[in-house]
Structures are given as structure tokens and as C-alpha cells.
Amino acid sequence: MTRLQANLILLLAGAMWGMGFVAQSTAMKSISPLLFTGLRFTLATLVVLPFAIREARQAQTALTPRNWLAFIWIGLLMLGAIATQQIGLLTTTVTNSGFLTGLYVVMTPLLGVMLFRHWPHPVVWPAALTALAGIWFLSGGAIEHLTSGDWLTVLAAGFCALQVIFIARAASSTGRPITLAVTQFAVCAVLGLTGALVHEQIDFNAARAALPEIVYAGIFSGGIAFTLQVIGQRYTTAPQAAIFLSSEALFAALFGALILGERLPAIGFLGCGLIFAAILAVELAPALLARARATGTV
């Protein structure tokens, strides 16, 4: 797979997450956050598991205990991101949550340098800030007084950044992206349902009322989109992946307008343009610079 194909796959994942953001927010009207998280990832596990089994049968080498520990660690990071974002939606607005989650675009290269001294291509830094500014304008260019839900969403962005970084390290080295994806889902399903049993009141009527959202979030924005993320990240860098995945905010605004009747403010169109500019920059600038150096023009 070429880097262009990988980045397009990540863009598709961002679109599915954008639609999933609408499903997550509407689901909170009828179901508790941990129960929703546990049910959606139980469904995601069941959908993707047959493909993971097929991948395992075709694999030339077996996974080591260290590989499995890495997969489980990534699953814990994913659970932290999903659960804190989902709980945060109870006490913050969709606008605030969309912007604050987008902080992982900047956190990813920063944490990559801090943890592993992995310096990204220079274009990533201005592109990450451009994408962040785009998300800010897309949210209306304003944010309300920070609530506990807002701070939980900032924490979710940190978990997202760490998940992107560790996926980049594990997916390419093991060559088992679908197994990694289904392990993430299983960790989220087991711990999400366990947390719901301990801390929430289980209401099957609420689960039935949120069934359409559970199905979409489980199969599409869960099973398919997160699997596409892992596959795409085998062929691109973590900072570039974060920028392409930030298109989630753009698609969330689009689907919010189409499905919920929300209207994008005039400043939001500027945000859309900035996000697209960031995506084009990380895709085209490295190739153009390499070509210029090869021809001796720089």
C-alpha cells in the first residue's frame, strides 16, 4: 500500500468517526456511557473477529507475549479515550467536545518527541497547528467556560494521541493489524461492561432505545473505522495519521447539519478550508520537497 492510499484510508476512518460522533451524542439521551461503550465494542469484536482469525491462519510467524501485551496496552489507551470522551459528553456541549478532542492533532507529534524522540517531517508542525485552528473555527471560534466534561475531553485527546503513537509502533512491526484492532475492541468491551455493572444501573430498555446508535458505533465507527486506522497507520507516520484523522471534526459538522439540522456558522467554512489545507500539506509537501531535492532545485 502506498502512503497516499494509507492516508485516504485514514480519511475514510475520519469520516466514519464524524458520523459516529453524532451517534455517540444522541445515544447519551437514553443510555449510560460505560454501558454504551461496552455494548458497541462487544458488537465490534464479534464483527471483526472472523477476519482476525483468518489473518492469524495466514500469518507466517506467531505473535509473541510482548506483542500481545502491546496490543492490550493499546486497547487500554483506546478505552481511556472512548470512555472519557463519552462521559464528558454528559456535561459538555458537542461543540466543545469536538474541538477539545481535536487537541490530539498537536499532542501526537509533541508526545512522540517527548517519549521516543521521534521528530516528524517539518511540515507536520505548521500543519498540526493549521488543523487545530481549523477545528477551532469549525466549532464556531469560541468555547464556553470549561466544565468537568471539558477537562475529561482534554484527557481523552491525550489518550487518543498515545493510541495513535503506539499503534504506529506496533502495527508495522507485527504485520497483524486486524488482530491488533480486535484486541482493542475486546479490551474495551470487557472493561466497559465490567465498569457498567459496577458503577451504572443496567437498563435494557435504554439499550434497546439506543440500538441504532449502538449498531452504527459498533460496526462502522467502531469495528470498521478503527480497523482502517490500524491498517492505514502501517504505511504512514503517527503525526500525519493524526492530521488525516482530524477530518473527524469536519465530517461531524457535515453530518450534524444533514442529520441533526445543525447549521455551520460562516466562520466554520474557514475551519473546513484550514483542515483540508493541513491534509494537503502533509500529503503533498514531503513529496514535492523530495522531488525538488532530487532535481537540485533546492
C-alpha atoms as a PDB file:
ATOM      1  CA  MET A   1       0.000   0.000   0.000  1.00  0.00           C
ATOM      2  CA  THR A   2       1.313   3.462  -0.883  1.00  0.00           C
ATOM      3  CA  ARG A   3       1.358   6.323   1.599  1.00  0.00           C
ATOM      4  CA  LEU A   4      -1.365   8.065  -0.445  1.00  0.00           C
ATOM      5  CA  GLN A   5      -3.635   5.007  -0.204  1.00  0.00           C
ATOM      6  CA  ALA A   6      -2.944   4.726   3.522  1.00  0.00           C
ATOM      7  CA  ASN A   7      -3.803   8.379   4.105  1.00  0.00           C
ATOM      8  CA  LEU A   8      -7.021   8.046   2.095  1.00  0.00           C
ATOM      9  CA  ILE A   9      -7.969   5.083   4.303  1.00  0.00           C
ATOM     10  CA  LEU A  10      -7.363   7.265   7.361  1.00  0.00           C
ATOM     11  CA  LEU A  11      -9.525   9.972   5.802  1.00  0.00           C
ATOM     12  CA  LEU A  12     -12.338   7.416   5.402  1.00  0.00           C
ATOM     13  CA  ALA A  13     -11.917   6.436   9.051  1.00  0.00           C
ATOM     14  CA  GLY A  14     -12.239  10.110   9.980  1.00  0.00           C
ATOM     15  CA  ALA A  15     -15.498  10.320   8.025  1.00  0.00           C
ATOM     16  CA  MET A  16     -16.913   7.304   9.850  1.00  0.00           C
ATOM     17  CA  TRP A  17     -15.874   8.780  13.187  1.00  0.00           C
ATOM     18  CA  GLY A  18     -17.521  12.073  12.274  1.00  0.00           C
ATOM     19  CA  MET A  19     -20.813  10.258  11.757  1.00  0.00           C
ATOM     20  CA  GLY A  20     -20.139   8.238  14.904  1.00  0.00           C
ATOM     21  CA  PHE A  21     -19.784  11.427  16.921  1.00  0.00           C
ATOM     22  CA  VAL A  22     -23.408  12.221  16.104  1.00  0.00           C
ATOM     23  CA  ALA A  23     -24.435   8.707  17.166  1.00  0.00           C
ATOM     24  CA  GLN A  24     -22.495   8.975  20.421  1.00  0.00           C
ATOM     25  CA  SER A  25     -24.056  12.306  21.359  1.00  0.00           C
ATOM     26  CA  THR A  26     -27.634  11.217  20.605  1.00  0.00           C
ATOM     27  CA  ALA A  27     -27.156   7.900  22.431  1.00  0.00           C
ATOM     28  CA  MET A  28     -26.439   9.746  25.687  1.00  0.00           C
ATOM     29  CA  LYS A  29     -30.094  10.794  25.787  1.00  0.00           C
ATOM     30  CA  SER A  30     -31.133   7.249  26.654  1.00  0.00           C
ATOM     31  CA  ILE A  31     -28.166   5.114  27.768  1.00  0.00           C
ATOM     32  CA  SER A  32     -25.310   5.381  30.273  1.00  0.00           C
ATOM     33  CA  PRO A  33     -21.788   5.943  28.844  1.00  0.00           C
ATOM     34  CA  LEU A  34     -19.971   2.805  30.040  1.00  0.00           C
ATOM     35  CA  LEU A  35     -22.833   0.508  29.023  1.00  0.00           C
ATOM     36  CA  PHE A  36     -22.888   2.128  25.582  1.00  0.00           C
ATOM     37  CA  THR A  37     -19.118   1.728  25.299  1.00  0.00           C
ATOM     38  CA  GLY A  38     -19.220  -1.928  26.369  1.00  0.00           C
ATOM     39  CA  LEU A  39     -22.076  -2.841  24.024  1.00  0.00           C
ATOM     40  CA  ARG A  40     -20.674  -1.065  20.951  1.00  0.00           C
ATOM     41  CA  PHE A  41     -17.285  -2.732  21.300  1.00  0.00           C
ATOM     42  CA  THR A  42     -18.801  -6.137  22.012  1.00  0.00           C
ATOM     43  CA  LEU A  43     -20.502  -5.798  18.646  1.00  0.00           C
ATOM     44  CA  ALA A  44     -17.269  -4.527  17.050  1.00  0.00           C
ATOM     45  CA  THR A  45     -15.371  -7.540  18.429  1.00  0.00           C
ATOM     46  CA  LEU A  46     -17.898 -10.019  17.034  1.00  0.00           C
ATOM     47  CA  VAL A  47     -17.881  -8.340  13.605  1.00  0.00           C
ATOM     48  CA  VAL A  48     -14.094  -8.187  13.187  1.00  0.00           C
ATOM     49  CA  LEU A  49     -13.106 -11.437  14.977  1.00  0.00           C
ATOM     50  CA  PRO A  50     -13.611 -13.730  11.915  1.00  0.00           C
ATOM     51  CA  PHE A  51     -11.204 -11.572   9.897  1.00  0.00           C
ATOM     52  CA  ALA A  52      -8.649 -11.677  12.727  1.00  0.00           C
ATOM     53  CA  ILE A  53      -8.879 -15.472  12.803  1.00  0.00           C
ATOM     54  CA  ARG A  54      -8.306 -15.591   9.057  1.00  0.00           C
ATOM     55  CA  GLU A  55      -5.338 -13.232   9.401  1.00  0.00           C
ATOM     56  CA  ALA A  56      -3.841 -15.450  12.113  1.00  0.00           C
ATOM     57  CA  ARG A  57      -4.134 -18.553   9.918  1.00  0.00           C
ATOM     58  CA  GLN A  58      -2.305 -16.808   7.075  1.00  0.00           C
ATOM     59  CA  ALA A  59       0.412 -15.310   9.277  1.00  0.00           C
ATOM     60  CA  GLN A  60       3.902 -16.696   8.775  1.00  0.00           C
ATOM     61  CA  THR A  61       5.016 -16.069  12.366  1.00  0.00           C
ATOM     62  CA  ALA A  62       3.170 -16.259  15.678  1.00  0.00           C
ATOM     63  CA  LEU A  63       2.724 -13.263  17.942  1.00  0.00           C
ATOM     64  CA  THR A  64       4.969 -13.144  20.989  1.00  0.00           C
ATOM     65  CA  PRO A  65       3.780 -12.400  24.553  1.00  0.00           C
ATOM     66  CA  ARG A  66       5.342  -8.970  24.150  1.00  0.00           C
ATOM     67  CA  ASN A  67       3.207  -8.358  21.054  1.00  0.00           C
ATOM     68  CA  TRP A  68       0.053  -9.329  22.942  1.00  0.00           C
ATOM     69  CA  LEU A  69       0.977  -7.034  25.844  1.00  0.00           C
ATOM     70  CA  ALA A  70       1.474  -4.180  23.365  1.00  0.00           C
ATOM     71  CA  PHE A  71      -1.958  -4.877  21.822  1.00  0.00           C
ATOM     72  CA  ILE A  72      -3.614  -4.934  25.259  1.00  0.00           C
ATOM     73  CA  TRP A  73      -1.860  -1.689  26.220  1.00  0.00           C
ATOM     74  CA  ILE A  74      -3.209  -0.031  23.077  1.00  0.00           C
ATOM     75  CA  GLY A  75      -6.669  -1.352  23.979  1.00  0.00           C
ATOM     76  CA  LEU A  76      -6.408   0.286  27.404  1.00  0.00           C
ATOM     77  CA  LEU A  77      -5.442   3.585  25.762  1.00  0.00           C
ATOM     78  CA  MET A  78      -8.400   3.255  23.427  1.00  0.00           C
ATOM     79  CA  LEU A  79     -10.742   2.568  26.359  1.00  0.00           C
ATOM     80  CA  GLY A  80      -9.392   5.624  28.154  1.00  0.00           C
ATOM     81  CA  ALA A  81     -10.055   7.792  25.097  1.00  0.00           C
ATOM     82  CA  ILE A  82     -13.538   6.454  24.383  1.00  0.00           C
ATOM     83  CA  ALA A  83     -14.756   6.327  27.987  1.00  0.00           C
ATOM     84  CA  THR A  84     -13.545   9.794  28.991  1.00  0.00           C
ATOM     85  CA  GLN A  85     -14.966  11.336  25.826  1.00  0.00           C
ATOM     86  CA  GLN A  86     -18.273   9.530  26.298  1.00  0.00           C
ATOM     87  CA  ILE A  87     -18.597  10.522  29.973  1.00  0.00           C
ATOM     88  CA  GLY A  88     -17.539  14.054  29.095  1.00  0.00           C
ATOM     89  CA  LEU A  89     -20.475  14.373  26.706  1.00  0.00           C
ATOM     90  CA  LEU A  90     -22.788  14.251  29.727  1.00  0.00           C
ATOM     91  CA  THR A  91     -21.562  17.646  30.977  1.00  0.00           C
ATOM     92  CA  THR A  92     -20.147  19.419  27.930  1.00  0.00           C
ATOM     93  CA  THR A  93     -21.502  20.579  24.609  1.00  0.00           C
ATOM     94  CA  VAL A  94     -20.988  18.800  21.313  1.00  0.00           C
ATOM     95  CA  THR A  95     -19.135  21.894  20.057  1.00  0.00           C
ATOM     96  CA  ASN A  96     -16.698  21.916  22.972  1.00  0.00           C
ATOM     97  CA  SER A  97     -16.160  18.167  22.779  1.00  0.00           C
ATOM     98  CA  GLY A  98     -15.436  18.288  19.056  1.00  0.00           C
ATOM     99  CA  PHE A  99     -12.817  20.982  19.450  1.00  0.00           C
ATOM    100  CA  LEU A 100     -11.142  19.615  22.586  1.00  0.00           C
ATOM    101  CA  THR A 101     -10.898  16.091  21.155  1.00  0.00           C
ATOM    102  CA  GLY A 102      -9.053  17.629  18.206  1.00  0.00           C
ATOM    103  CA  LEU A 103      -6.217  18.608  20.537  1.00  0.00           C
ATOM    104  CA  TYR A 104      -4.694  15.181  19.833  1.00  0.00           C
ATOM    105  CA  VAL A 105      -3.552  16.567  16.458  1.00  0.00           C
ATOM    106  CA  VAL A 106      -0.984  18.701  18.299  1.00  0.00           C
ATOM    107  CA  MET A 107      -0.432  16.270  21.181  1.00  0.00           C
ATOM    108  CA  THR A 108       0.620  13.407  18.859  1.00  0.00           C
ATOM    109  CA  PRO A 109       3.866  14.914  17.487  1.00  0.00           C
ATOM    110  CA  LEU A 110       4.648  16.502  20.855  1.00  0.00           C
ATOM    111  CA  LEU A 111       4.298  13.226  22.762  1.00  0.00           C
ATOM    112  CA  GLY A 112       6.183  11.393  20.007  1.00  0.00           C
ATOM    113  CA  VAL A 113       9.167  13.673  20.565  1.00  0.00           C
ATOM    114  CA  MET A 114       8.875  13.545  24.367  1.00  0.00           C
ATOM    115  CA  LEU A 115       8.524   9.757  24.648  1.00  0.00           C
ATOM    116  CA  PHE A 116      10.616   8.419  21.770  1.00  0.00           C
ATOM    117  CA  ARG A 117      12.475  11.443  20.357  1.00  0.00           C
ATOM    118  CA  HIS A 118      10.752  10.756  17.054  1.00  0.00           C
ATOM    119  CA  TRP A 119      10.957  14.011  15.130  1.00  0.00           C
ATOM    120  CA  PRO A 120       8.303  14.283  12.399  1.00  0.00           C
ATOM    121  CA  HIS A 121       8.719  15.889   8.973  1.00  0.00           C
ATOM    122  CA  PRO A 122       8.966  19.683   9.496  1.00  0.00           C
ATOM    123  CA  VAL A 123       5.704  20.275   7.631  1.00  0.00           C
ATOM    124  CA  VAL A 124       3.802  18.400  10.363  1.00  0.00           C
ATOM    125  CA  TRP A 125       4.198  21.197  12.923  1.00  0.00           C
ATOM    126  CA  PRO A 126       2.533  24.024  10.937  1.00  0.00           C
ATOM    127  CA  ALA A 127       0.023  21.526   9.516  1.00  0.00           C
ATOM    128  CA  ALA A 128      -0.949  20.350  13.019  1.00  0.00           C
ATOM    129  CA  LEU A 129      -1.444  23.943  14.190  1.00  0.00           C
ATOM    130  CA  THR A 130      -3.403  24.700  10.998  1.00  0.00           C
ATOM    131  CA  ALA A 131      -5.665  21.693  11.597  1.00  0.00           C
ATOM    132  CA  LEU A 132      -6.171  22.741  15.216  1.00  0.00           C
ATOM    133  CA  ALA A 133      -7.094  26.254  14.113  1.00  0.00           C
ATOM    134  CA  GLY A 134      -9.495  24.705  11.589  1.00  0.00           C
ATOM    135  CA  ILE A 135     -11.183  22.690  14.314  1.00  0.00           C
ATOM    136  CA  TRP A 136     -11.425  25.862  16.421  1.00  0.00           C
ATOM    137  CA  PHE A 137     -13.161  27.801  13.646  1.00  0.00           C
ATOM    138  CA  LEU A 138     -15.326  24.786  12.830  1.00  0.00           C
ATOM    139  CA  SER A 139     -16.565  24.853  16.424  1.00  0.00           C
ATOM    140  CA  GLY A 140     -17.599  28.500  15.991  1.00  0.00           C
ATOM    141  CA  GLY A 141     -14.415  30.193  17.156  1.00  0.00           C
ATOM    142  CA  ALA A 142     -15.464  30.145  20.797  1.00  0.00           C
ATOM    143  CA  ILE A 143     -15.522  27.790  23.735  1.00  0.00           C
ATOM    144  CA  GLU A 144     -17.670  28.062  26.842  1.00  0.00           C
ATOM    145  CA  HIS A 145     -16.466  28.018  30.445  1.00  0.00           C
ATOM    146  CA  LEU A 146     -14.591  24.771  30.983  1.00  0.00           C
ATOM    147  CA  THR A 147     -16.624  22.150  32.848  1.00  0.00           C
ATOM    148  CA  SER A 148     -15.593  18.776  34.243  1.00  0.00           C
ATOM    149  CA  GLY A 149     -16.726  17.288  30.936  1.00  0.00           C
ATOM    150  CA  ASP A 150     -14.381  19.606  29.059  1.00  0.00           C
ATOM    151  CA  TRP A 151     -11.395  18.507  31.134  1.00  0.00           C
ATOM    152  CA  LEU A 152     -12.373  14.856  30.630  1.00  0.00           C
ATOM    153  CA  THR A 153     -12.375  15.518  26.885  1.00  0.00           C
ATOM    154  CA  VAL A 154      -8.890  17.034  27.076  1.00  0.00           C
ATOM    155  CA  LEU A 155      -7.813  13.830  28.840  1.00  0.00           C
ATOM    156  CA  ALA A 156      -9.491  11.839  26.047  1.00  0.00           C
ATOM    157  CA  ALA A 157      -7.405  13.759  23.493  1.00  0.00           C
ATOM    158  CA  GLY A 158      -4.258  12.722  25.355  1.00  0.00           C
ATOM    159  CA  PHE A 159      -5.314   9.078  25.269  1.00  0.00           C
ATOM    160  CA  CYS A 160      -6.060   9.408  21.534  1.00  0.00           C
ATOM    161  CA  ALA A 161      -2.588  10.810  20.867  1.00  0.00           C
ATOM    162  CA  LEU A 162      -0.912   7.981  22.794  1.00  0.00           C
ATOM    163  CA  GLN A 163      -3.025   5.390  20.989  1.00  0.00           C
ATOM    164  CA  VAL A 164      -2.012   6.767  17.586  1.00  0.00           C
ATOM    165  CA  ILE A 165       1.667   6.724  18.614  1.00  0.00           C
ATOM    166  CA  PHE A 166       1.664   3.163  19.941  1.00  0.00           C
ATOM    167  CA  ILE A 167      -0.365   1.840  17.006  1.00  0.00           C
ATOM    168  CA  ALA A 168       2.290   3.246  14.688  1.00  0.00           C
ATOM    169  CA  ARG A 169       4.929   1.307  16.636  1.00  0.00           C
ATOM    170  CA  ALA A 170       3.016  -1.990  16.912  1.00  0.00           C
ATOM    171  CA  ALA A 171       1.080  -2.294  13.633  1.00  0.00           C
ATOM    172  CA  SER A 172       4.048  -2.104  11.272  1.00  0.00           C
ATOM    173  CA  SER A 173       6.340  -4.343  13.330  1.00  0.00           C
ATOM    174  CA  THR A 174       3.875  -7.227  13.806  1.00  0.00           C
ATOM    175  CA  GLY A 175       2.089  -7.193  10.448  1.00  0.00           C
ATOM    176  CA  ARG A 176      -1.149  -8.149  12.231  1.00  0.00           C
ATOM    177  CA  PRO A 177      -3.352  -5.028  12.053  1.00  0.00           C
ATOM    178  CA  ILE A 178      -6.709  -6.817  12.289  1.00  0.00           C
ATOM    179  CA  THR A 179      -5.597  -8.833  15.320  1.00  0.00           C
ATOM    180  CA  LEU A 180      -4.467  -5.586  16.935  1.00  0.00           C
ATOM    181  CA  ALA A 181      -7.813  -3.981  16.155  1.00  0.00           C
ATOM    182  CA  VAL A 182      -9.913  -6.822  17.554  1.00  0.00           C
ATOM    183  CA  THR A 183      -7.770  -6.956  20.697  1.00  0.00           C
ATOM    184  CA  GLN A 184      -8.507  -3.266  21.255  1.00  0.00           C
ATOM    185  CA  PHE A 185     -12.214  -3.914  20.846  1.00  0.00           C
ATOM    186  CA  ALA A 186     -12.210  -6.879  23.222  1.00  0.00           C
ATOM    187  CA  VAL A 187     -10.416  -4.889  25.937  1.00  0.00           C
ATOM    188  CA  CYS A 188     -12.920  -2.037  25.590  1.00  0.00           C
ATOM    189  CA  ALA A 189     -15.871  -4.449  25.585  1.00  0.00           C
ATOM    190  CA  VAL A 190     -14.829  -6.410  28.676  1.00  0.00           C
ATOM    191  CA  LEU A 191     -13.747  -3.438  30.775  1.00  0.00           C
ATOM    192  CA  GLY A 192     -16.608  -1.234  29.558  1.00  0.00           C
ATOM    193  CA  LEU A 193     -19.251  -3.796  30.525  1.00  0.00           C
ATOM    194  CA  THR A 194     -17.472  -4.503  33.821  1.00  0.00           C
ATOM    195  CA  GLY A 195     -17.429  -0.787  34.624  1.00  0.00           C
ATOM    196  CA  ALA A 196     -21.119  -0.523  33.748  1.00  0.00           C
ATOM    197  CA  LEU A 197     -22.004  -3.415  36.066  1.00  0.00           C
ATOM    198  CA  VAL A 198     -20.063  -1.840  38.936  1.00  0.00           C
ATOM    199  CA  HIS A 199     -20.824   1.861  38.502  1.00  0.00           C
ATOM    200  CA  GLU A 200     -24.033   2.129  36.470  1.00  0.00           C
ATOM    201  CA  GLN A 201     -27.560   0.856  36.631  1.00  0.00           C
ATOM    202  CA  ILE A 202     -28.118  -1.605  33.790  1.00  0.00           C
ATOM    203  CA  ASP A 203     -31.254  -0.666  31.863  1.00  0.00           C
ATOM    204  CA  PHE A 204     -32.119  -2.956  28.946  1.00  0.00           C
ATOM    205  CA  ASN A 205     -34.902  -0.624  27.819  1.00  0.00           C
ATOM    206  CA  ALA A 206     -32.309   2.142  27.474  1.00  0.00           C
ATOM    207  CA  ALA A 207     -30.082  -0.204  25.465  1.00  0.00           C
ATOM    208  CA  ARG A 208     -32.995  -1.020  23.185  1.00  0.00           C
ATOM    209  CA  ALA A 209     -33.768   2.677  22.707  1.00  0.00           C
ATOM    210  CA  ALA A 210     -30.152   3.338  21.709  1.00  0.00           C
ATOM    211  CA  LEU A 211     -29.897   0.273  19.468  1.00  0.00           C
ATOM    212  CA  PRO A 212     -29.435   2.202  16.160  1.00  0.00           C
ATOM    213  CA  GLU A 213     -26.582   4.209  17.681  1.00  0.00           C
ATOM    214  CA  ILE A 214     -25.025   1.060  19.184  1.00  0.00           C
ATOM    215  CA  VAL A 215     -25.163  -0.703  15.816  1.00  0.00           C
ATOM    216  CA  TYR A 216     -23.565   2.180  13.923  1.00  0.00           C
ATOM    217  CA  ALA A 217     -20.958   2.905  16.591  1.00  0.00           C
ATOM    218  CA  GLY A 218     -20.182  -0.809  16.921  1.00  0.00           C
ATOM    219  CA  ILE A 219     -19.957  -1.846  13.278  1.00  0.00           C
ATOM    220  CA  PHE A 220     -18.944   1.285  11.376  1.00  0.00           C
ATOM    221  CA  SER A 221     -17.273   3.915  13.582  1.00  0.00           C
ATOM    222  CA  GLY A 222     -16.059   1.111  15.837  1.00  0.00           C
ATOM    223  CA  GLY A 223     -15.251  -2.119  14.021  1.00  0.00           C
ATOM    224  CA  ILE A 224     -14.586  -0.816  10.519  1.00  0.00           C
ATOM    225  CA  ALA A 225     -13.140   2.658  11.206  1.00  0.00           C
ATOM    226  CA  PHE A 226     -10.706   1.634  13.946  1.00  0.00           C
ATOM    227  CA  THR A 227      -9.578  -1.333  11.848  1.00  0.00           C
ATOM    228  CA  LEU A 228      -8.961   1.034   8.913  1.00  0.00           C
ATOM    229  CA  GLN A 229      -6.954   3.248  11.269  1.00  0.00           C
ATOM    230  CA  VAL A 230      -4.668   0.377  12.250  1.00  0.00           C
ATOM    231  CA  ILE A 231      -4.248  -0.763   8.630  1.00  0.00           C
ATOM    232  CA  GLY A 232      -3.544   2.759   7.362  1.00  0.00           C
ATOM    233  CA  GLN A 233      -1.033   3.506  10.088  1.00  0.00           C
ATOM    234  CA  ARG A 234       1.204   0.684   8.887  1.00  0.00           C
ATOM    235  CA  TYR A 235       2.173   2.850   5.905  1.00  0.00           C
ATOM    236  CA  THR A 236       2.302   6.405   7.272  1.00  0.00           C
ATOM    237  CA  THR A 237       3.639   8.241  10.303  1.00  0.00           C
ATOM    238  CA  ALA A 238       1.750   8.893  13.529  1.00  0.00           C
ATOM    239  CA  PRO A 239       1.760  12.727  13.168  1.00  0.00           C
ATOM    240  CA  GLN A 240       0.478  12.521   9.582  1.00  0.00           C
ATOM    241  CA  ALA A 241      -2.155   9.994  10.664  1.00  0.00           C
ATOM    242  CA  ALA A 242      -3.340  12.347  13.411  1.00  0.00           C
ATOM    243  CA  ILE A 243      -3.849  15.163  10.908  1.00  0.00           C
ATOM    244  CA  PHE A 244      -5.841  12.982   8.499  1.00  0.00           C
ATOM    245  CA  LEU A 245      -7.917  11.607  11.349  1.00  0.00           C
ATOM    246  CA  SER A 246      -8.655  15.180  12.467  1.00  0.00           C
ATOM    247  CA  SER A 247     -11.039  15.336   9.496  1.00  0.00           C
ATOM    248  CA  GLU A 248     -13.433  13.731  12.004  1.00  0.00           C
ATOM    249  CA  ALA A 249     -14.372  17.258  13.156  1.00  0.00           C
ATOM    250  CA  LEU A 250     -15.143  18.326   9.592  1.00  0.00           C
ATOM    251  CA  PHE A 251     -17.340  15.291   8.926  1.00  0.00           C
ATOM    252  CA  ALA A 252     -19.015  15.647  12.333  1.00  0.00           C
ATOM    253  CA  ALA A 253     -20.094  19.165  11.346  1.00  0.00           C
ATOM    254  CA  LEU A 254     -21.300  17.906   7.955  1.00  0.00           C
ATOM    255  CA  PHE A 255     -23.332  15.018   9.374  1.00  0.00           C
ATOM    256  CA  GLY A 256     -24.589  17.201  12.219  1.00  0.00           C
ATOM    257  CA  ALA A 257     -26.057  19.539   9.608  1.00  0.00           C
ATOM    258  CA  LEU A 258     -27.519  16.736   7.489  1.00  0.00           C
ATOM    259  CA  ILE A 259     -28.932  14.594  10.304  1.00  0.00           C
ATOM    260  CA  LEU A 260     -29.492  16.891  13.292  1.00  0.00           C
ATOM    261  CA  GLY A 261     -30.323  20.039  11.350  1.00  0.00           C
ATOM    262  CA  GLU A 262     -27.384  21.948  12.811  1.00  0.00           C
ATOM    263  CA  ARG A 263     -26.122  24.871  10.762  1.00  0.00           C
ATOM    264  CA  LEU A 264     -22.452  25.571  10.174  1.00  0.00           C
ATOM    265  CA  PRO A 265     -21.584  29.205  11.008  1.00  0.00           C
ATOM    266  CA  ALA A 266     -19.848  31.292   8.376  1.00  0.00           C
ATOM    267  CA  ILE A 267     -16.567  31.028  10.264  1.00  0.00           C
ATOM    268  CA  GLY A 268     -16.950  27.242  10.142  1.00  0.00           C
ATOM    269  CA  PHE A 269     -16.288  27.232   6.402  1.00  0.00           C
ATOM    270  CA  LEU A 270     -12.912  28.810   7.121  1.00  0.00           C
ATOM    271  CA  GLY A 271     -12.281  25.923   9.519  1.00  0.00           C
ATOM    272  CA  CYS A 272     -13.128  23.393   6.811  1.00  0.00           C
ATOM    273  CA  GLY A 273     -10.674  25.072   4.461  1.00  0.00           C
ATOM    274  CA  LEU A 274      -7.884  25.049   7.050  1.00  0.00           C
ATOM    275  CA  ILE A 275      -8.352  21.344   7.804  1.00  0.00           C
ATOM    276  CA  PHE A 276      -8.224  20.496   4.108  1.00  0.00           C
ATOM    277  CA  ALA A 277      -5.135  22.696   3.731  1.00  0.00           C
ATOM    278  CA  ALA A 278      -3.425  20.788   6.551  1.00  0.00           C
ATOM    279  CA  ILE A 279      -4.303  17.452   4.963  1.00  0.00           C
ATOM    280  CA  LEU A 280      -2.988  18.544   1.575  1.00  0.00           C
ATOM    281  CA  ALA A 281       0.182  19.936   3.165  1.00  0.00           C
ATOM    282  CA  VAL A 282       1.195  16.692   4.885  1.00  0.00           C
ATOM    283  CA  GLU A 283       0.354  14.696   1.772  1.00  0.00           C
ATOM    284  CA  LEU A 284       1.950  16.858  -0.907  1.00  0.00           C
ATOM    285  CA  ALA A 285       4.739  18.850   0.766  1.00  0.00           C
ATOM    286  CA  PRO A 286       7.089  15.906   1.573  1.00  0.00           C
ATOM    287  CA  ALA A 287       6.795  14.522  -1.969  1.00  0.00           C
ATOM    288  CA  LEU A 288       7.284  17.931  -3.586  1.00  0.00           C
ATOM    289  CA  LEU A 289      10.298  18.691  -1.390  1.00  0.00           C
ATOM    290  CA  ALA A 290      11.877  15.292  -2.132  1.00  0.00           C
ATOM    291  CA  ARG A 291      11.345  15.840  -5.876  1.00  0.00           C
ATOM    292  CA  ALA A 292      12.847  19.336  -5.659  1.00  0.00           C
ATOM    293  CA  ARG A 293      15.920  17.974  -3.882  1.00  0.00           C
ATOM    294  CA  ALA A 294      16.287  15.184  -6.428  1.00  0.00           C
ATOM    295  CA  THR A 295      16.255  17.674  -9.287  1.00  0.00           C
ATOM    296  CA  GLY A 296      18.601  20.052  -7.465  1.00  0.00           C
ATOM    297  CA  THR A 297      16.190  22.959  -7.371  1.00  0.00           C
ATOM    298  CA  VAL A 298      16.550  23.314  -3.560  1.00  0.00           C
END
